[in-house]
Amino acid sequence: MKIVERRNSPVNFELNFDGEASADKMTFRGYAAVFNSPSEPLPFTEVIRQGAFNRSLNARNEVKMFMNHNTDHVLASTRSGTLKLIEDSTGLLAEAKLPETTSGKDLSILMQRGDVHSMSFGFSVPPKGDSWSSDGSTRELHQVRLHEVSVVTGFPAYEATTADVRTIDILATRTLVDADVLADAMIRLEEGQNLTENQAEILTKVVSKLREDKTDNLELIDIKRKQLDLMAKVF
């Protein structure tokens, strides 16, 4: 299921200045992910294995660096050459040159002061890309699709998935729709993207079925509200 997830990691940045200490002349190195390091409870414990990013990096798709996962605050990108991502024996290493923008200057000051000390990455897991322990308490990531990396100015806590897997499974089962298609539609909904005809039909079917059921489940009602809002824009 193509669920976008985010994970934060505490890191130590290496700051380098070329001449004058300004944002446009500052580069840094930091790890967006670290291998073989158990996460804090998510509530499950998660470990990223070496090699998890290889396929995604070799695909040469554009990956951008944001501040706090905010797409309005772009710091660098692989396409422009201002961001370089390398998988080494430690983890996913990011080398970037900060822009001379408000976000870049603000981040430069925060980093110099030592107020910023974590990075994060957004990813999804392809089929067979992860494995779970028999009791569901431990997850290993063997292969992921990398969507973006971010410098995080808040607390280095692990974030929940943007679309809840359990809720989507419940919706798919109750309304007899394809869970993967529903998950993709939900992600597009949250990102404000246009729906395909098939995704619009799926959401219409789900909403119609929920109306028939008259469910009191708060999670389903919340999703129904979001779907209705988006379909109002599509149709």
C-alpha atoms as a PDB file:
ATOM      1  CA  MET A   1       0.000   0.000   0.000  1.00  0.00           C
ATOM      2  CA  LYS A   2       1.437   3.350  -1.066  1.00  0.00           C
ATOM      3  CA  ILE A   3       1.280   5.124   2.266  1.00  0.00           C
ATOM      4  CA  VAL A   4       3.601   8.105   2.665  1.00  0.00           C
ATOM      5  CA  GLU A   5       5.465   7.947   5.961  1.00  0.00           C
ATOM      6  CA  ARG A   6       8.004  10.218   7.649  1.00  0.00           C
ATOM      7  CA  ARG A   7      10.793   9.436  10.064  1.00  0.00           C
ATOM      8  CA  ASN A   8      13.018  11.844  11.990  1.00  0.00           C
ATOM      9  CA  SER A   9      16.609  11.220  13.043  1.00  0.00           C
ATOM     10  CA  PRO A  10      18.829  13.285  15.362  1.00  0.00           C
ATOM     11  CA  VAL A  11      21.973  14.277  13.434  1.00  0.00           C
ATOM     12  CA  ASN A  12      25.140  16.297  13.802  1.00  0.00           C
ATOM     13  CA  PHE A  13      25.493  18.767  10.935  1.00  0.00           C
ATOM     14  CA  GLU A  14      28.827  19.662   9.426  1.00  0.00           C
ATOM     15  CA  LEU A  15      28.720  23.323   8.407  1.00  0.00           C
ATOM     16  CA  ASN A  16      31.162  24.724   5.885  1.00  0.00           C
ATOM     17  CA  PHE A  17      31.503  28.291   4.685  1.00  0.00           C
ATOM     18  CA  ASP A  18      33.126  29.492   1.490  1.00  0.00           C
ATOM     19  CA  GLY A  19      34.394  32.919   2.401  1.00  0.00           C
ATOM     20  CA  GLU A  20      31.731  35.113   3.959  1.00  0.00           C
ATOM     21  CA  ALA A  21      29.412  33.283   6.340  1.00  0.00           C
ATOM     22  CA  SER A  22      26.138  33.770   4.501  1.00  0.00           C
ATOM     23  CA  ALA A  23      23.365  31.374   3.545  1.00  0.00           C
ATOM     24  CA  ASP A  24      24.264  31.201  -0.148  1.00  0.00           C
ATOM     25  CA  LYS A  25      27.841  30.215   0.689  1.00  0.00           C
ATOM     26  CA  MET A  26      26.967  27.612   3.292  1.00  0.00           C
ATOM     27  CA  THR A  27      26.903  23.889   2.700  1.00  0.00           C
ATOM     28  CA  PHE A  28      26.178  21.156   5.179  1.00  0.00           C
ATOM     29  CA  ARG A  29      26.239  17.404   5.529  1.00  0.00           C
ATOM     30  CA  GLY A  30      23.824  15.383   7.628  1.00  0.00           C
ATOM     31  CA  TYR A  31      22.156  11.986   7.743  1.00  0.00           C
ATOM     32  CA  ALA A  32      18.444  11.897   6.918  1.00  0.00           C
ATOM     33  CA  ALA A  33      18.359   8.240   8.002  1.00  0.00           C
ATOM     34  CA  VAL A  34      20.667   5.945   9.955  1.00  0.00           C
ATOM     35  CA  PHE A  35      20.901   2.194   9.359  1.00  0.00           C
ATOM     36  CA  ASN A  36      20.478  -0.534  11.963  1.00  0.00           C
ATOM     37  CA  SER A  37      19.388   1.898  14.660  1.00  0.00           C
ATOM     38  CA  PRO A  38      16.105   0.875  16.359  1.00  0.00           C
ATOM     39  CA  SER A  39      13.547   3.639  16.413  1.00  0.00           C
ATOM     40  CA  GLU A  40      11.562   4.744  19.383  1.00  0.00           C
ATOM     41  CA  PRO A  41       8.184   2.957  19.645  1.00  0.00           C
ATOM     42  CA  LEU A  42       5.859   3.977  16.791  1.00  0.00           C
ATOM     43  CA  PRO A  43       4.247   1.965  18.630  1.00  0.00           C
ATOM     44  CA  PHE A  44       6.248  -0.749  16.820  1.00  0.00           C
ATOM     45  CA  THR A  45      10.048  -0.596  16.674  1.00  0.00           C
ATOM     46  CA  GLU A  46      11.524   0.024  13.248  1.00  0.00           C
ATOM     47  CA  VAL A  47      14.978  -0.585  11.775  1.00  0.00           C
ATOM     48  CA  ILE A  48      16.253   0.582   8.373  1.00  0.00           C
ATOM     49  CA  ARG A  49      18.619  -1.873   6.728  1.00  0.00           C
ATOM     50  CA  GLN A  50      21.552  -0.966   4.510  1.00  0.00           C
ATOM     51  CA  GLY A  51      20.576  -0.926   0.851  1.00  0.00           C
ATOM     52  CA  ALA A  52      17.070   0.375   1.513  1.00  0.00           C
ATOM     53  CA  PHE A  53      17.610   3.524  -0.585  1.00  0.00           C
ATOM     54  CA  ASN A  54      19.765   2.127  -3.412  1.00  0.00           C
ATOM     55  CA  ARG A  55      17.022   1.430  -5.918  1.00  0.00           C
ATOM     56  CA  SER A  56      15.289   4.745  -5.298  1.00  0.00           C
ATOM     57  CA  LEU A  57      18.524   6.722  -5.691  1.00  0.00           C
ATOM     58  CA  ASN A  58      19.513   4.827  -8.839  1.00  0.00           C
ATOM     59  CA  ALA A  59      16.163   5.710 -10.415  1.00  0.00           C
ATOM     60  CA  ARG A  60      17.428   9.301 -10.630  1.00  0.00           C
ATOM     61  CA  ASN A  61      14.012  10.756  -9.812  1.00  0.00           C
ATOM     62  CA  GLU A  62      14.070  14.298  -8.487  1.00  0.00           C
ATOM     63  CA  VAL A  63      14.221  14.524  -4.719  1.00  0.00           C
ATOM     64  CA  LYS A  64      13.903  17.852  -2.934  1.00  0.00           C
ATOM     65  CA  MET A  65      14.952  19.031   0.481  1.00  0.00           C
ATOM     66  CA  PHE A  66      12.390  21.003   2.457  1.00  0.00           C
ATOM     67  CA  MET A  67      12.189  22.683   5.813  1.00  0.00           C
ATOM     68  CA  ASN A  68       9.835  20.720   8.069  1.00  0.00           C
ATOM     69  CA  HIS A  69       8.368  18.831   5.070  1.00  0.00           C
ATOM     70  CA  ASN A  70       6.796  22.083   3.897  1.00  0.00           C
ATOM     71  CA  THR A  71       6.803  22.126   0.085  1.00  0.00           C
ATOM     72  CA  ASP A  72       6.610  25.931   0.166  1.00  0.00           C
ATOM     73  CA  HIS A  73      10.098  26.035   1.695  1.00  0.00           C
ATOM     74  CA  VAL A  74      12.442  24.351  -0.787  1.00  0.00           C
ATOM     75  CA  LEU A  75      16.071  24.268   0.314  1.00  0.00           C
ATOM     76  CA  ALA A  76      17.694  22.190  -2.441  1.00  0.00           C
ATOM     77  CA  SER A  77      17.019  19.584  -5.126  1.00  0.00           C
ATOM     78  CA  THR A  78      18.884  16.777  -6.843  1.00  0.00           C
ATOM     79  CA  ARG A  79      17.816  17.988 -10.291  1.00  0.00           C
ATOM     80  CA  SER A  80      19.447  21.383  -9.828  1.00  0.00           C
ATOM     81  CA  GLY A  81      22.567  19.842  -8.320  1.00  0.00           C
ATOM     82  CA  THR A  82      22.149  21.698  -5.029  1.00  0.00           C
ATOM     83  CA  LEU A  83      21.330  18.445  -3.217  1.00  0.00           C
ATOM     84  CA  LYS A  84      23.364  15.261  -3.276  1.00  0.00           C
ATOM     85  CA  LEU A  85      22.098  12.071  -1.663  1.00  0.00           C
ATOM     86  CA  ILE A  86      24.428   9.176  -0.949  1.00  0.00           C
ATOM     87  CA  GLU A  87      23.792   5.850   0.720  1.00  0.00           C
ATOM     88  CA  ASP A  88      26.888   4.795   2.637  1.00  0.00           C
ATOM     89  CA  SER A  89      27.516   2.305   5.420  1.00  0.00           C
ATOM     90  CA  THR A  90      26.024   4.678   8.002  1.00  0.00           C
ATOM     91  CA  GLY A  91      22.805   5.699   6.312  1.00  0.00           C
ATOM     92  CA  LEU A  92      21.340   8.222   3.863  1.00  0.00           C
ATOM     93  CA  LEU A  93      23.776  11.141   3.679  1.00  0.00           C
ATOM     94  CA  ALA A  94      22.532  14.504   2.424  1.00  0.00           C
ATOM     95  CA  GLU A  95      24.922  17.175   1.164  1.00  0.00           C
ATOM     96  CA  ALA A  96      23.269  20.472   0.277  1.00  0.00           C
ATOM     97  CA  LYS A  97      23.915  24.107  -0.473  1.00  0.00           C
ATOM     98  CA  LEU A  98      21.418  26.419   1.198  1.00  0.00           C
ATOM     99  CA  PRO A  99      19.646  29.078  -0.892  1.00  0.00           C
ATOM    100  CA  GLU A 100      19.765  32.777  -0.152  1.00  0.00           C
ATOM    101  CA  THR A 101      16.056  32.842   0.636  1.00  0.00           C
ATOM    102  CA  THR A 102      14.239  33.658   3.856  1.00  0.00           C
ATOM    103  CA  SER A 103      14.029  29.956   4.692  1.00  0.00           C
ATOM    104  CA  GLY A 104      17.676  29.398   3.841  1.00  0.00           C
ATOM    105  CA  LYS A 105      18.844  32.363   5.895  1.00  0.00           C
ATOM    106  CA  ASP A 106      16.651  31.420   8.852  1.00  0.00           C
ATOM    107  CA  LEU A 107      17.934  27.854   8.763  1.00  0.00           C
ATOM    108  CA  SER A 108      21.523  29.069   8.474  1.00  0.00           C
ATOM    109  CA  ILE A 109      21.144  31.085  11.675  1.00  0.00           C
ATOM    110  CA  LEU A 110      19.428  28.244  13.540  1.00  0.00           C
ATOM    111  CA  MET A 111      22.120  25.782  12.498  1.00  0.00           C
ATOM    112  CA  GLN A 112      24.953  28.101  13.495  1.00  0.00           C
ATOM    113  CA  ARG A 113      23.323  28.595  16.899  1.00  0.00           C
ATOM    114  CA  GLY A 114      22.960  24.854  17.342  1.00  0.00           C
ATOM    115  CA  ASP A 115      19.151  25.021  17.595  1.00  0.00           C
ATOM    116  CA  VAL A 116      18.588  22.534  14.753  1.00  0.00           C
ATOM    117  CA  HIS A 117      19.746  18.972  15.154  1.00  0.00           C
ATOM    118  CA  SER A 118      17.478  16.609  13.239  1.00  0.00           C
ATOM    119  CA  MET A 119      16.609  15.560   9.702  1.00  0.00           C
ATOM    120  CA  SER A 120      13.751  13.531   8.306  1.00  0.00           C
ATOM    121  CA  PHE A 121      12.746  11.744   5.121  1.00  0.00           C
ATOM    122  CA  GLY A 122       9.412  11.019   3.472  1.00  0.00           C
ATOM    123  CA  PHE A 123       8.991   7.575   1.936  1.00  0.00           C
ATOM    124  CA  SER A 124       6.624   4.840   0.886  1.00  0.00           C
ATOM    125  CA  VAL A 125       7.210   1.101   0.956  1.00  0.00           C
ATOM    126  CA  PRO A 126       6.847  -0.970  -2.250  1.00  0.00           C
ATOM    127  CA  PRO A 127       5.485  -4.530  -2.140  1.00  0.00           C
ATOM    128  CA  LYS A 128       7.841  -6.816  -0.173  1.00  0.00           C
ATOM    129  CA  GLY A 129       9.901  -3.792   0.829  1.00  0.00           C
ATOM    130  CA  ASP A 130       9.505  -4.486   4.526  1.00  0.00           C
ATOM    131  CA  SER A 131       9.183  -7.411   6.910  1.00  0.00           C
ATOM    132  CA  TRP A 132       7.543  -7.800  10.315  1.00  0.00           C
ATOM    133  CA  SER A 133       8.193  -9.945  13.348  1.00  0.00           C
ATOM    134  CA  SER A 134       5.577 -12.593  14.122  1.00  0.00           C
ATOM    135  CA  ASP A 135       4.087 -10.509  16.928  1.00  0.00           C
ATOM    136  CA  GLY A 136       4.049  -7.282  14.883  1.00  0.00           C
ATOM    137  CA  SER A 137       6.302  -5.460  17.326  1.00  0.00           C
ATOM    138  CA  THR A 138       9.282  -5.010  14.969  1.00  0.00           C
ATOM    139  CA  ARG A 139       9.477  -3.814  11.386  1.00  0.00           C
ATOM    140  CA  GLU A 140      12.496  -3.906   9.082  1.00  0.00           C
ATOM    141  CA  LEU A 141      12.712  -1.661   6.025  1.00  0.00           C
ATOM    142  CA  HIS A 142      14.645  -3.347   3.223  1.00  0.00           C
ATOM    143  CA  GLN A 143      13.559  -1.147   0.326  1.00  0.00           C
ATOM    144  CA  VAL A 144      11.778   2.213   0.250  1.00  0.00           C
ATOM    145  CA  ARG A 145      10.736   4.792  -2.314  1.00  0.00           C
ATOM    146  CA  LEU A 146      12.297   8.083  -1.272  1.00  0.00           C
ATOM    147  CA  HIS A 147      10.025  11.103  -1.807  1.00  0.00           C
ATOM    148  CA  GLU A 148      11.846  13.917  -0.004  1.00  0.00           C
ATOM    149  CA  VAL A 149      14.207  14.830   2.802  1.00  0.00           C
ATOM    150  CA  SER A 150      13.769  17.647   5.301  1.00  0.00           C
ATOM    151  CA  VAL A 151      15.661  19.584   7.887  1.00  0.00           C
ATOM    152  CA  VAL A 152      13.458  19.542  10.982  1.00  0.00           C
ATOM    153  CA  THR A 153      13.422  22.476  13.380  1.00  0.00           C
ATOM    154  CA  GLY A 154      11.073  20.870  15.915  1.00  0.00           C
ATOM    155  CA  PHE A 155      11.513  17.918  18.208  1.00  0.00           C
ATOM    156  CA  PRO A 156      13.071  14.758  16.717  1.00  0.00           C
ATOM    157  CA  ALA A 157       9.965  12.669  17.288  1.00  0.00           C
ATOM    158  CA  TYR A 158       8.727   9.988  14.922  1.00  0.00           C
ATOM    159  CA  GLU A 159       5.681  11.076  12.980  1.00  0.00           C
ATOM    160  CA  ALA A 160       2.628   8.987  12.135  1.00  0.00           C
ATOM    161  CA  THR A 161       1.738   8.019   8.589  1.00  0.00           C
ATOM    162  CA  THR A 162      -0.197  10.632   6.643  1.00  0.00           C
ATOM    163  CA  ALA A 163      -2.892   8.101   5.798  1.00  0.00           C
ATOM    164  CA  ASP A 164      -3.786   5.571   8.453  1.00  0.00           C
ATOM    165  CA  VAL A 165      -3.387   2.010   7.143  1.00  0.00           C
ATOM    166  CA  ARG A 166      -5.869   0.477   9.564  1.00  0.00           C
ATOM    167  CA  THR A 167      -8.608   2.950   8.656  1.00  0.00           C
ATOM    168  CA  ILE A 168      -8.085   2.428   4.933  1.00  0.00           C
ATOM    169  CA  ASP A 169      -8.250  -1.349   5.361  1.00  0.00           C
ATOM    170  CA  ILE A 170     -11.516  -0.977   7.258  1.00  0.00           C
ATOM    171  CA  LEU A 171     -12.983   1.262   4.562  1.00  0.00           C
ATOM    172  CA  ALA A 172     -11.853  -1.027   1.737  1.00  0.00           C
ATOM    173  CA  THR A 173     -13.296  -4.118   3.409  1.00  0.00           C
ATOM    174  CA  ARG A 174     -16.620  -2.529   4.304  1.00  0.00           C
ATOM    175  CA  THR A 175     -17.184  -0.919   0.896  1.00  0.00           C
ATOM    176  CA  LEU A 176     -15.655  -3.675  -1.282  1.00  0.00           C
ATOM    177  CA  VAL A 177     -13.107  -1.444  -3.038  1.00  0.00           C
ATOM    178  CA  ASP A 178      -9.440  -1.922  -3.848  1.00  0.00           C
ATOM    179  CA  ALA A 179      -7.356  -0.868  -0.834  1.00  0.00           C
ATOM    180  CA  ASP A 180      -4.379   0.286  -2.927  1.00  0.00           C
ATOM    181  CA  VAL A 181      -6.517   2.518  -5.137  1.00  0.00           C
ATOM    182  CA  LEU A 182      -8.258   3.912  -2.078  1.00  0.00           C
ATOM    183  CA  ALA A 183      -4.903   4.600  -0.396  1.00  0.00           C
ATOM    184  CA  ASP A 184      -3.600   6.439  -3.468  1.00  0.00           C
ATOM    185  CA  ALA A 185      -6.798   8.503  -3.621  1.00  0.00           C
ATOM    186  CA  MET A 186      -6.471   9.396   0.061  1.00  0.00           C
ATOM    187  CA  ILE A 187      -2.886  10.530  -0.445  1.00  0.00           C
ATOM    188  CA  ARG A 188      -3.918  12.690  -3.397  1.00  0.00           C
ATOM    189  CA  LEU A 189      -6.707  14.075  -1.230  1.00  0.00           C
ATOM    190  CA  GLU A 190      -4.321  15.099   1.543  1.00  0.00           C
ATOM    191  CA  GLU A 191      -1.878  16.637  -0.945  1.00  0.00           C
ATOM    192  CA  GLY A 192      -4.621  18.588  -2.750  1.00  0.00           C
ATOM    193  CA  GLN A 193      -3.999  16.872  -6.102  1.00  0.00           C
ATOM    194  CA  ASN A 194      -6.578  16.110  -8.783  1.00  0.00           C
ATOM    195  CA  LEU A 195      -8.113  12.648  -8.787  1.00  0.00           C
ATOM    196  CA  THR A 196      -8.124  10.237 -11.705  1.00  0.00           C
ATOM    197  CA  GLU A 197     -11.526   9.083 -12.952  1.00  0.00           C
ATOM    198  CA  ASN A 198     -11.045   5.693 -11.277  1.00  0.00           C
ATOM    199  CA  GLN A 199     -10.074   7.281  -7.943  1.00  0.00           C
ATOM    200  CA  ALA A 200     -13.080   9.606  -8.074  1.00  0.00           C
ATOM    201  CA  GLU A 201     -15.369   6.619  -8.710  1.00  0.00           C
ATOM    202  CA  ILE A 202     -13.803   4.737  -5.787  1.00  0.00           C
ATOM    203  CA  LEU A 203     -14.338   7.635  -3.394  1.00  0.00           C
ATOM    204  CA  THR A 204     -17.894   8.133  -4.631  1.00  0.00           C
ATOM    205  CA  LYS A 205     -18.620   4.471  -3.955  1.00  0.00           C
ATOM    206  CA  VAL A 206     -17.055   4.651  -0.473  1.00  0.00           C
ATOM    207  CA  VAL A 207     -19.003   7.771   0.488  1.00  0.00           C
ATOM    208  CA  SER A 208     -22.269   6.304  -0.833  1.00  0.00           C
ATOM    209  CA  LYS A 209     -21.747   3.103   1.120  1.00  0.00           C
ATOM    210  CA  LEU A 210     -20.940   5.005   4.326  1.00  0.00           C
ATOM    211  CA  ARG A 211     -24.120   7.030   3.912  1.00  0.00           C
ATOM    212  CA  GLU A 212     -26.089   3.795   3.688  1.00  0.00           C
ATOM    213  CA  ASP A 213     -24.362   2.393   6.794  1.00  0.00           C
ATOM    214  CA  LYS A 214     -24.930   5.609   8.795  1.00  0.00           C
ATOM    215  CA  THR A 215     -21.820   4.777  10.790  1.00  0.00           C
ATOM    216  CA  ASP A 216     -20.989   6.539  14.045  1.00  0.00           C
ATOM    217  CA  ASN A 217     -17.287   5.724  13.705  1.00  0.00           C
ATOM    218  CA  LEU A 218     -15.484   9.058  14.099  1.00  0.00           C
ATOM    219  CA  GLU A 219     -12.493   8.045  11.976  1.00  0.00           C
ATOM    220  CA  LEU A 220     -14.693   7.073   9.059  1.00  0.00           C
ATOM    221  CA  ILE A 221     -16.781  10.222   9.397  1.00  0.00           C
ATOM    222  CA  ASP A 222     -13.641  12.353   9.284  1.00  0.00           C
ATOM    223  CA  ILE A 223     -12.429  10.618   6.116  1.00  0.00           C
ATOM    224  CA  LYS A 224     -15.882  10.945   4.601  1.00  0.00           C
ATOM    225  CA  ARG A 225     -15.797  14.695   5.247  1.00  0.00           C
ATOM    226  CA  LYS A 226     -12.395  15.040   3.586  1.00  0.00           C
ATOM    227  CA  GLN A 227     -13.513  12.999   0.588  1.00  0.00           C
ATOM    228  CA  LEU A 228     -16.642  15.081   0.143  1.00  0.00           C
ATOM    229  CA  ASP A 229     -14.606  18.279   0.290  1.00  0.00           C
ATOM    230  CA  LEU A 230     -12.248  17.041  -2.399  1.00  0.00           C
ATOM    231  CA  MET A 231     -14.950  15.630  -4.652  1.00  0.00           C
ATOM    232  CA  ALA A 232     -16.718  18.963  -4.510  1.00  0.00           C
ATOM    233  CA  LYS A 233     -13.629  20.440  -6.177  1.00  0.00           C
ATOM    234  CA  VAL A 234     -13.277  17.594  -8.702  1.00  0.00           C
ATOM    235  CA  PHE A 235     -16.885  17.535  -9.869  1.00  0.00           C
END
